[in-house]
PDB file of N, CA and C in Angstrom:
ATOM      1  N   UNK A   1      28.660  17.402   0.555  1.00  0.00           N
ATOM      2  CA  UNK A   1      27.323  17.276  -0.015  1.00  0.00           C
ATOM      3  C   UNK A   1      27.337  16.216  -1.107  1.00  0.00           C
ATOM      4  N   UNK A   2      26.195  15.655  -1.367  1.00  0.00           N
ATOM      5  CA  UNK A   2      26.108  14.650  -2.407  1.00  0.00           C
ATOM      6  C   UNK A   2      26.019  15.324  -3.764  1.00  0.00           C
ATOM      7  N   UNK A   3      26.384  14.584  -4.793  1.00  0.00           N
ATOM      8  CA  UNK A   3      26.286  15.137  -6.135  1.00  0.00           C
ATOM      9  C   UNK A   3      24.835  15.305  -6.559  1.00  0.00           C
ATOM     10  N   UNK A   4      23.909  14.600  -5.910  1.00  0.00           N
ATOM     11  CA  UNK A   4      22.487  14.717  -6.217  1.00  0.00           C
ATOM     12  C   UNK A   4      21.884  16.016  -5.712  1.00  0.00           C
ATOM     13  N   UNK A   5      22.627  16.766  -4.925  1.00  0.00           N
ATOM     14  CA  UNK A   5      22.085  17.964  -4.291  1.00  0.00           C
ATOM     15  C   UNK A   5      21.619  18.999  -5.306  1.00  0.00           C
ATOM     16  N   UNK A   6      22.042  18.881  -6.545  1.00  0.00           N
ATOM     17  CA  UNK A   6      21.642  19.849  -7.553  1.00  0.00           C
ATOM     18  C   UNK A   6      20.318  19.479  -8.221  1.00  0.00           C
ATOM     19  N   UNK A   7      19.850  18.247  -8.040  1.00  0.00           N
ATOM     20  CA  UNK A   7      18.600  17.801  -8.657  1.00  0.00           C
ATOM     21  C   UNK A   7      17.406  18.469  -7.987  1.00  0.00           C
ATOM     22  N   UNK A   8      16.460  18.991  -8.790  1.00  0.00           N
ATOM     23  CA  UNK A   8      15.254  19.565  -8.191  1.00  0.00           C
ATOM     24  C   UNK A   8      14.415  18.476  -7.530  1.00  0.00           C
ATOM     25  N   UNK A   9      14.066  18.698  -6.291  1.00  0.00           N
ATOM     26  CA  UNK A   9      13.358  17.690  -5.508  1.00  0.00           C
ATOM     27  C   UNK A   9      11.974  17.408  -6.077  1.00  0.00           C
ATOM     28  N   UNK A  10      11.281  18.419  -6.531  1.00  0.00           N
ATOM     29  CA  UNK A  10       9.900  18.246  -6.992  1.00  0.00           C
ATOM     30  C   UNK A  10       9.778  17.234  -8.124  1.00  0.00           C
ATOM     31  N   UNK A  11      10.824  17.074  -8.926  1.00  0.00           N
ATOM     32  CA  UNK A  11      10.746  16.148 -10.055  1.00  0.00           C
ATOM     33  C   UNK A  11      11.288  14.757  -9.729  1.00  0.00           C
ATOM     34  N   UNK A  12      11.733  14.547  -8.486  1.00  0.00           N
ATOM     35  CA  UNK A  12      12.325  13.262  -8.112  1.00  0.00           C
ATOM     36  C   UNK A  12      11.249  12.224  -7.821  1.00  0.00           C
ATOM     37  N   UNK A  13      11.557  10.979  -8.175  1.00  0.00           N
ATOM     38  CA  UNK A  13      10.682   9.875  -7.790  1.00  0.00           C
ATOM     39  C   UNK A  13      10.828   9.652  -6.285  1.00  0.00           C
ATOM     40  N   UNK A  14       9.875   8.920  -5.724  1.00  0.00           N
ATOM     41  CA  UNK A  14       9.956   8.589  -4.301  1.00  0.00           C
ATOM     42  C   UNK A  14      11.255   7.851  -4.006  1.00  0.00           C
ATOM     43  N   UNK A  15      11.569   6.868  -4.849  1.00  0.00           N
ATOM     44  CA  UNK A  15      12.753   6.036  -4.615  1.00  0.00           C
ATOM     45  C   UNK A  15      14.042   6.845  -4.677  1.00  0.00           C
ATOM     46  N   UNK A  16      14.142   7.757  -5.644  1.00  0.00           N
ATOM     47  CA  UNK A  16      15.343   8.583  -5.766  1.00  0.00           C
ATOM     48  C   UNK A  16      15.480   9.522  -4.570  1.00  0.00           C
ATOM     49  N   UNK A  17      14.370  10.121  -4.158  1.00  0.00           N
ATOM     50  CA  UNK A  17      14.402  11.031  -3.014  1.00  0.00           C
ATOM     51  C   UNK A  17      14.768  10.289  -1.735  1.00  0.00           C
ATOM     52  N   UNK A  18      14.212   9.104  -1.548  1.00  0.00           N
ATOM     53  CA  UNK A  18      14.520   8.318  -0.356  1.00  0.00           C
ATOM     54  C   UNK A  18      15.985   7.890  -0.346  1.00  0.00           C
ATOM     55  N   UNK A  19      16.508   7.490  -1.491  1.00  0.00           N
ATOM     56  CA  UNK A  19      17.916   7.084  -1.570  1.00  0.00           C
ATOM     57  C   UNK A  19      18.834   8.251  -1.217  1.00  0.00           C
ATOM     58  N   UNK A  20      18.526   9.434  -1.741  1.00  0.00           N
ATOM     59  CA  UNK A  20      19.354  10.596  -1.415  1.00  0.00           C
ATOM     60  C   UNK A  20      19.223  10.955   0.061  1.00  0.00           C
ATOM     61  N   UNK A  21      18.013  10.877   0.597  1.00  0.00           N
ATOM     62  CA  UNK A  21      17.806  11.162   2.014  1.00  0.00           C
ATOM     63  C   UNK A  21      18.626  10.208   2.877  1.00  0.00           C
ATOM     64  N   UNK A  22      18.629   8.933   2.529  1.00  0.00           N
ATOM     65  CA  UNK A  22      19.418   7.953   3.286  1.00  0.00           C
ATOM     66  C   UNK A  22      20.911   8.268   3.219  1.00  0.00           C
ATOM     67  N   UNK A  23      21.381   8.726   2.061  1.00  0.00           N
ATOM     68  CA  UNK A  23      22.789   9.110   1.919  1.00  0.00           C
ATOM     69  C   UNK A  23      23.110  10.300   2.809  1.00  0.00           C
ATOM     70  N   UNK A  24      22.227  11.286   2.823  1.00  0.00           N
ATOM     71  CA  UNK A  24      22.438  12.470   3.659  1.00  0.00           C
ATOM     72  C   UNK A  24      22.483  12.079   5.130  1.00  0.00           C
ATOM     73  N   UNK A  25      21.570  11.224   5.555  1.00  0.00           N
ATOM     74  CA  UNK A  25      21.543  10.787   6.955  1.00  0.00           C
ATOM     75  C   UNK A  25      22.857  10.094   7.313  1.00  0.00           C
ATOM     76  N   UNK A  26      23.321   9.192   6.445  1.00  0.00           N
ATOM     77  CA  UNK A  26      24.596   8.502   6.710  1.00  0.00           C
ATOM     78  C   UNK A  26      25.746   9.499   6.819  1.00  0.00           C
ATOM     79  N   UNK A  27      25.780  10.468   5.893  1.00  0.00           N
ATOM     80  CA  UNK A  27      26.847  11.470   5.912  1.00  0.00           C
ATOM     81  C   UNK A  27      26.811  12.292   7.198  1.00  0.00           C
ATOM     82  N   UNK A  28      25.619  12.698   7.610  1.00  0.00           N
ATOM     83  CA  UNK A  28      25.497  13.492   8.835  1.00  0.00           C
ATOM     84  C   UNK A  28      25.851  12.669  10.067  1.00  0.00           C
ATOM     85  N   UNK A  29      25.476  11.402  10.077  1.00  0.00           N
ATOM     86  CA  UNK A  29      25.783  10.548  11.228  1.00  0.00           C
ATOM     87  C   UNK A  29      27.278  10.296  11.368  1.00  0.00           C
ATOM     88  N   UNK A  30      27.995  10.297  10.259  1.00  0.00           N
ATOM     89  CA  UNK A  30      29.455  10.127  10.328  1.00  0.00           C
ATOM     90  C   UNK A  30      30.099  11.286  11.083  1.00  0.00           C
ATOM     91  N   UNK A  31      29.545  12.478  10.915  1.00  0.00           N
ATOM     92  CA  UNK A  31      30.020  13.628  11.669  1.00  0.00           C
ATOM     93  C   UNK A  31      31.283  14.274  11.145  1.00  0.00           C
ATOM     94  N   UNK A  32      31.705  13.946   9.943  1.00  0.00           N
ATOM     95  CA  UNK A  32      32.945  14.521   9.428  1.00  0.00           C
ATOM     96  C   UNK A  32      32.709  15.575   8.345  1.00  0.00           C
ATOM     97  N   UNK A  33      31.504  16.111   8.295  1.00  0.00           N
ATOM     98  CA  UNK A  33      31.160  17.153   7.331  1.00  0.00           C
ATOM     99  C   UNK A  33      31.308  18.509   8.022  1.00  0.00           C
ATOM    100  N   UNK A  34      31.884  19.503   7.340  1.00  0.00           N
ATOM    101  CA  UNK A  34      31.970  20.843   7.933  1.00  0.00           C
ATOM    102  C   UNK A  34      30.584  21.381   8.298  1.00  0.00           C
ATOM    103  N   UNK A  35      30.540  22.256   9.267  1.00  0.00           N
ATOM    104  CA  UNK A  35      29.284  22.765   9.810  1.00  0.00           C
ATOM    105  C   UNK A  35      28.357  23.325   8.736  1.00  0.00           C
ATOM    106  N   UNK A  36      28.854  24.209   7.886  1.00  0.00           N
ATOM    107  CA  UNK A  36      27.992  24.822   6.866  1.00  0.00           C
ATOM    108  C   UNK A  36      27.432  23.777   5.908  1.00  0.00           C
ATOM    109  N   UNK A  37      28.254  22.815   5.528  1.00  0.00           N
ATOM    110  CA  UNK A  37      27.779  21.743   4.657  1.00  0.00           C
ATOM    111  C   UNK A  37      26.737  20.886   5.374  1.00  0.00           C
ATOM    112  N   UNK A  38      26.934  20.687   6.667  1.00  0.00           N
ATOM    113  CA  UNK A  38      25.965  19.918   7.456  1.00  0.00           C
ATOM    114  C   UNK A  38      24.614  20.619   7.490  1.00  0.00           C
ATOM    115  N   UNK A  39      24.639  21.926   7.640  1.00  0.00           N
ATOM    116  CA  UNK A  39      23.390  22.692   7.674  1.00  0.00           C
ATOM    117  C   UNK A  39      22.678  22.600   6.328  1.00  0.00           C
ATOM    118  N   UNK A  40      23.436  22.734   5.231  1.00  0.00           N
ATOM    119  CA  UNK A  40      22.847  22.610   3.897  1.00  0.00           C
ATOM    120  C   UNK A  40      22.279  21.207   3.683  1.00  0.00           C
ATOM    121  N   UNK A  41      23.018  20.195   4.111  1.00  0.00           N
ATOM    122  CA  UNK A  41      22.561  18.812   3.965  1.00  0.00           C
ATOM    123  C   UNK A  41      21.299  18.584   4.787  1.00  0.00           C
ATOM    124  N   UNK A  42      21.265  19.132   5.997  1.00  0.00           N
ATOM    125  CA  UNK A  42      20.089  18.982   6.855  1.00  0.00           C
ATOM    126  C   UNK A  42      18.868  19.626   6.202  1.00  0.00           C
ATOM    127  N   UNK A  43      19.058  20.820   5.631  1.00  0.00           N
ATOM    128  CA  UNK A  43      17.948  21.514   4.971  1.00  0.00           C
ATOM    129  C   UNK A  43      17.444  20.706   3.777  1.00  0.00           C
ATOM    130  N   UNK A  44      18.364  20.181   2.990  1.00  0.00           N
ATOM    131  CA  UNK A  44      17.948  19.365   1.834  1.00  0.00           C
ATOM    132  C   UNK A  44      17.265  18.085   2.314  1.00  0.00           C
ATOM    133  N   UNK A  45      17.793  17.489   3.356  1.00  0.00           N
ATOM    134  CA  UNK A  45      17.184  16.285   3.906  1.00  0.00           C
ATOM    135  C   UNK A  45      15.768  16.533   4.382  1.00  0.00           C
ATOM    136  N   UNK A  46      15.548  17.673   4.999  1.00  0.00           N
ATOM    137  CA  UNK A  46      14.203  18.035   5.458  1.00  0.00           C
ATOM    138  C   UNK A  46      13.252  18.169   4.269  1.00  0.00           C
ATOM    139  N   UNK A  47      13.725  18.803   3.198  1.00  0.00           N
ATOM    140  CA  UNK A  47      12.898  18.951   2.000  1.00  0.00           C
ATOM    141  C   UNK A  47      12.632  17.590   1.349  1.00  0.00           C
ATOM    142  N   UNK A  48      13.632  16.726   1.341  1.00  0.00           N
ATOM    143  CA  UNK A  48      13.456  15.382   0.783  1.00  0.00           C
ATOM    144  C   UNK A  48      12.450  14.574   1.601  1.00  0.00           C
ATOM    145  N   UNK A  49      12.518  14.679   2.920  1.00  0.00           N
ATOM    146  CA  UNK A  49      11.575  13.972   3.786  1.00  0.00           C
ATOM    147  C   UNK A  49      10.146  14.437   3.506  1.00  0.00           C
ATOM    148  N   UNK A  50       9.968  15.736   3.358  1.00  0.00           N
ATOM    149  CA  UNK A  50       8.646  16.284   3.063  1.00  0.00           C
ATOM    150  C   UNK A  50       8.145  15.767   1.712  1.00  0.00           C
ATOM    151  N   UNK A  51       9.017  15.748   0.721  1.00  0.00           N
ATOM    152  CA  UNK A  51       8.654  15.256  -0.608  1.00  0.00           C
ATOM    153  C   UNK A  51       8.241  13.785  -0.541  1.00  0.00           C
ATOM    154  N   UNK A  52       9.015  12.988   0.178  1.00  0.00           N
ATOM    155  CA  UNK A  52       8.693  11.562   0.322  1.00  0.00           C
ATOM    156  C   UNK A  52       7.343  11.379   1.008  1.00  0.00           C
ATOM    157  N   UNK A  53       7.083  12.156   2.049  1.00  0.00           N
ATOM    158  CA  UNK A  53       5.803  12.045   2.757  1.00  0.00           C
ATOM    159  C   UNK A  53       4.642  12.422   1.845  1.00  0.00           C
ATOM    160  N   UNK A  54       4.826  13.467   1.041  1.00  0.00           N
ATOM    161  CA  UNK A  54       3.774  13.869   0.106  1.00  0.00           C
ATOM    162  C   UNK A  54       3.509  12.773  -0.921  1.00  0.00           C
ATOM    163  N   UNK A  55       4.584  12.146  -1.415  1.00  0.00           N
ATOM    164  CA  UNK A  55       4.434  11.049  -2.377  1.00  0.00           C
ATOM    165  C   UNK A  55       3.699   9.871  -1.743  1.00  0.00           C
ATOM    166  N   UNK A  56       4.043   9.550  -0.497  1.00  0.00           N
ATOM    167  CA  UNK A  56       3.363   8.457   0.206  1.00  0.00           C
ATOM    168  C   UNK A  56       1.886   8.767   0.420  1.00  0.00           C
ATOM    169  N   UNK A  57       1.592  10.004   0.810  1.00  0.00           N
ATOM    170  CA  UNK A  57       0.192  10.403   1.006  1.00  0.00           C
ATOM    171  C   UNK A  57      -0.600  10.273  -0.291  1.00  0.00           C
ATOM    172  N   UNK A  58      -0.003  10.695  -1.408  1.00  0.00           N
ATOM    173  CA  UNK A  58      -0.677  10.598  -2.701  1.00  0.00           C
ATOM    174  C   UNK A  58      -0.910   9.138  -3.082  1.00  0.00           C
ATOM    175  N   UNK A  59       0.074   8.292  -2.819  1.00  0.00           N
ATOM    176  CA  UNK A  59      -0.074   6.865  -3.120  1.00  0.00           C
ATOM    177  C   UNK A  59      -1.177   6.250  -2.267  1.00  0.00           C
ATOM    178  N   UNK A  60      -1.243   6.631  -1.009  1.00  0.00           N
ATOM    179  CA  UNK A  60      -2.284   6.111  -0.120  1.00  0.00           C
ATOM    180  C   UNK A  60      -3.670   6.505  -0.621  1.00  0.00           C
ATOM    181  N   UNK A  61      -3.807   7.753  -1.058  1.00  0.00           N
ATOM    182  CA  UNK A  61      -5.092   8.205  -1.599  1.00  0.00           C
ATOM    183  C   UNK A  61      -5.478   7.401  -2.835  1.00  0.00           C
ATOM    184  N   UNK A  62      -4.508   7.127  -3.696  1.00  0.00           N
ATOM    185  CA  UNK A  62      -4.786   6.341  -4.903  1.00  0.00           C
ATOM    186  C   UNK A  62      -5.243   4.931  -4.546  1.00  0.00           C
ATOM    187  N   UNK A  63      -4.579   4.315  -3.571  1.00  0.00           N
ATOM    188  CA  UNK A  63      -4.957   2.964  -3.144  1.00  0.00           C
ATOM    189  C   UNK A  63      -6.369   2.972  -2.574  1.00  0.00           C
ATOM    190  N   UNK A  64      -6.695   3.970  -1.773  1.00  0.00           N
ATOM    191  CA  UNK A  64      -8.040   4.057  -1.199  1.00  0.00           C
ATOM    192  C   UNK A  64      -9.094   4.214  -2.288  1.00  0.00           C
ATOM    193  N   UNK A  65      -8.795   4.977  -3.340  1.00  0.00           N
ATOM    194  CA  UNK A  65      -9.748   5.130  -4.444  1.00  0.00           C
ATOM    195  C   UNK A  65      -9.921   3.819  -5.195  1.00  0.00           C
ATOM    196  N   UNK A  66      -8.840   3.085  -5.358  1.00  0.00           N
ATOM    197  CA  UNK A  66      -8.930   1.788  -6.034  1.00  0.00           C
ATOM    198  C   UNK A  66      -9.793   0.836  -5.225  1.00  0.00           C
ATOM    199  N   UNK A  67      -9.571   0.777  -3.918  1.00  0.00           N
ATOM    200  CA  UNK A  67     -10.354  -0.100  -3.045  1.00  0.00           C
ATOM    201  C   UNK A  67     -11.817   0.316  -3.078  1.00  0.00           C
ATOM    202  N   UNK A  68     -12.081   1.612  -3.120  1.00  0.00           N
ATOM    203  CA  UNK A  68     -13.456   2.109  -3.117  1.00  0.00           C
ATOM    204  C   UNK A  68     -14.200   1.713  -4.384  1.00  0.00           C
ATOM    205  N   UNK A  69     -13.501   1.506  -5.475  1.00  0.00           N
ATOM    206  CA  UNK A  69     -14.159   1.181  -6.732  1.00  0.00           C
ATOM    207  C   UNK A  69     -13.934  -0.249  -7.175  1.00  0.00           C
ATOM    208  N   UNK A  70     -13.841  -1.194  -6.237  1.00  0.00           N
ATOM    209  CA  UNK A  70     -13.515  -2.573  -6.594  1.00  0.00           C
ATOM    210  C   UNK A  70     -14.662  -3.362  -7.198  1.00  0.00           C
ATOM    211  N   UNK A  71     -15.878  -2.961  -7.011  1.00  0.00           N
ATOM    212  CA  UNK A  71     -16.989  -3.731  -7.572  1.00  0.00           C
ATOM    213  C   UNK A  71     -18.228  -2.884  -7.703  1.00  0.00           C
ATOM    214  N   UNK A  72     -19.030  -3.191  -8.700  1.00  0.00           N
ATOM    215  CA  UNK A  72     -20.228  -2.391  -8.924  1.00  0.00           C
ATOM    216  C   UNK A  72     -21.305  -2.669  -7.891  1.00  0.00           C
ATOM    217  N   UNK A  73     -21.379  -3.881  -7.378  1.00  0.00           N
ATOM    218  CA  UNK A  73     -22.386  -4.226  -6.376  1.00  0.00           C
ATOM    219  C   UNK A  73     -21.844  -4.117  -4.956  1.00  0.00           C
ATOM    220  N   UNK A  74     -20.611  -3.700  -4.849  1.00  0.00           N
ATOM    221  CA  UNK A  74     -19.974  -3.569  -3.543  1.00  0.00           C
ATOM    222  C   UNK A  74     -20.057  -2.115  -3.110  1.00  0.00           C
ATOM    223  N   UNK A  75     -20.513  -1.857  -1.896  1.00  0.00           N
ATOM    224  CA  UNK A  75     -20.547  -0.473  -1.440  1.00  0.00           C
ATOM    225  C   UNK A  75     -19.132   0.104  -1.380  1.00  0.00           C
ATOM    226  N   UNK A  76     -19.035   1.373  -1.716  1.00  0.00           N
ATOM    227  CA  UNK A  76     -17.734   2.035  -1.671  1.00  0.00           C
ATOM    228  C   UNK A  76     -17.212   2.043  -0.245  1.00  0.00           C
ATOM    229  N   UNK A  77     -15.953   1.719  -0.106  1.00  0.00           N
ATOM    230  CA  UNK A  77     -15.330   1.726   1.213  1.00  0.00           C
ATOM    231  C   UNK A  77     -13.842   1.989   1.040  1.00  0.00           C
ATOM    232  N   UNK A  78     -13.240   2.406   2.094  1.00  0.00           N
ATOM    233  CA  UNK A  78     -11.789   2.539   2.091  1.00  0.00           C
ATOM    234  C   UNK A  78     -11.236   1.653   3.178  1.00  0.00           C
ATOM    235  N   UNK A  79     -10.032   1.241   2.971  1.00  0.00           N
ATOM    236  CA  UNK A  79      -9.337   0.447   3.968  1.00  0.00           C
ATOM    237  C   UNK A  79      -7.994   1.099   4.203  1.00  0.00           C
ATOM    238  N   UNK A  80      -7.573   1.194   5.446  1.00  0.00           N
ATOM    239  CA  UNK A  80      -6.263   1.776   5.697  1.00  0.00           C
ATOM    240  C   UNK A  80      -5.184   0.907   5.077  1.00  0.00           C
ATOM    241  N   UNK A  81      -4.151   1.555   4.584  1.00  0.00           N
ATOM    242  CA  UNK A  81      -3.028   0.842   4.000  1.00  0.00           C
ATOM    243  C   UNK A  81      -2.209   0.226   5.115  1.00  0.00           C
ATOM    244  N   UNK A  82      -1.951  -1.065   5.019  1.00  0.00           N
ATOM    245  CA  UNK A  82      -1.160  -1.772   6.023  1.00  0.00           C
ATOM    246  C   UNK A  82       0.092  -2.309   5.345  1.00  0.00           C
ATOM    247  N   UNK A  83       1.247  -1.654   5.550  1.00  0.00           N
ATOM    248  CA  UNK A  83       2.463  -2.074   4.861  1.00  0.00           C
ATOM    249  C   UNK A  83       3.030  -3.394   5.356  1.00  0.00           C
ATOM    250  N   UNK A  84       2.482  -3.964   6.412  1.00  0.00           N
ATOM    251  CA  UNK A  84       3.030  -5.208   6.970  1.00  0.00           C
ATOM    252  C   UNK A  84       2.694  -6.404   6.183  1.00  0.00           C
TER     253      UNK A  84
END
C-alpha cells in the first residue's frame, strides 16, 4: 500500500487524489502485491476515483455558472466544457 493510504480522501485536492490513484493503478498492474493488500488498494482506488469525479463535476458546474454570468446584456447560457 502507499504511504498516502492514511490520508482522508475527503480533504484531498483533485491533483493529490489523482496522483495517488495513478500510483495505486501502477502498483496493481505490476501484480506483485499480496491479495489482501490488492483488495484494500482497489477499494481505496475506487473511493479516490469517486472523489476525483465529484471534484470534476463541481468544477464543471462552476465553469457553467461563470459562462452564464459573462455579461449583463448577454442572455444566460451554459456551454459544455471541452477539455480539448
